[in-house]
C-alpha cells in the first residue's frame, strides 16, 4: 500500500512505516536494511519505469524510508516517537533526468546554472552493473592521481587498496574539475553477491574556480554540506537565510575504512556534455596538521550552528522589539507635531484685530487706507509706459491752454 495524501492543498502526507516500506523487521541490522533498500531502489528506479508514475512515487517512498533507517539518530527518534519528531525532515528532491525528455533536461540545466540545486538520481544501468560486479575497475594507488573524461550518466570506477597502517592513519579521496564540470563522487561497498552496492555519494560543489567533492575517512565525524537543505530553508523563510546557512551540514555515514581494496567512482552529472575530472587518493599520515585543523574546524562549525540556533531566537525577539519601538517613534513624532500645531493656533487667537484675507478685500473693492487718504500708484500701476503717457498728456494740455489764451 502506497503513501496517501489527505484532501486539501495543505494536507500533510500520511507516510507508511519505513520498516514496512523496506520489508524489514525492527531488529534488522544496518546491512540488512541497506540490502533491502538497494533491491527496491533498483526495482522502482525511474530509469526502469519511465511510463509508470506509481513506481516513481514508490521510489521516493523507499528513498525516504532508507534516509530514516540508515541514520542511527533518525532511526532512534522514529523508534521512540514515530513521525512526530520527523515532521521537519525533508527529502532531498531528486530530478531523474534520464528519459525525461530534452525539454525537462534543459529546464534542469537552466535551474542548475541559476544556482538552484538539482539533485539527480544515478543511472539504474550504472547501479545495476555495479551490483552485478560487471564494471571495469582501474587501480588508484595511494598518493597518486588520475585524470579523465566521463560521459554523462556514466561512471569510471577506481580501486583504492590500503594497508593496515594507512587505514589507521586515515584516507582521503578527492575529485576536482578545473572545467567546473558537475559530477558525483561515489563509494561502493562489497555486496554479498560479489558485486558493489552504493554506500556514499557526494555531489560536486563550486569552490573558487573549480568544482570539487571529497570523502574523508579520518576516524572522527566529518560533515558534508547539503545545499538542497539550505535552498529549501531559504525559500521557506528568506528573512532567516543567514541562520539556516549551517543547517545543511549532514554527518557522513562512514568515518573510517578497513585495510583492503575499496571501490570509488566518478559519475558524470553534466546535463549535455562530458565531465572532466582529476581523482586522487591520499593517506592522512603525511597531513597530520591538516587533519587536526579539519577536526578543530568541524567542531567549531558545529558549536557555531548551535549558537546560531539560539541567537536566531534572540534576534527574532530583538527584531520584534525594534519594530515595536520604531512604530512608537513614528506615532510619538506625529503626536508632538500635532500638539505644537495646536499650540501655535492657540497663540494666534490672542489678538484684537481680526485679520482679513486679501481675497476678501479684493472681492469687496475696499482699500486698507483710512478716510481722506489717497492711494499712491503702485509699482505695477506706475510703469514707465504709464508715466510717459501721463507726461505727454500734461504737456499737450498745457499747450492747448496756452493756445487758447493767444487766440483770445
Foldseek 3Di string as FASTA:
>chain_A
DAWDFDDDDPTDIRADQLCVLLVHDLPDDLQSSQVSLLVLLLVLPCVVCVPDVVSVRSNQNSQVSCVQVNDVVSSVVCVVPNCPVVPPPDDQAEDAPVPPDDVSLVVVQVCVVVVQDHHYDQDSVQQVCQQQANADEAEAEAPDKDKDKAWASDKHKYKYFDDQVLQQQWKKKKKKALVQFKKKKWWWDQDPNRGTHTDDIDTWDDDPNMTMDMDIQGPDKDWDFDVNQLVVVCVVPVVCSVLCRLVRTDTDSHNTDHGGMIMMMIHGNHSPGITIMMMHMYRCPVVVVVVVVRVVVRVVSVVVNVVSVVVVVVVVVVVVVVVVVVVVVVVVVVVVVVVVVVVVVVVVVPDPDDDDDPVVCVVVVHDPDDPPDDDDDDCVRPDPVNVVVVVVVVVVVVVVVVVVVVVD
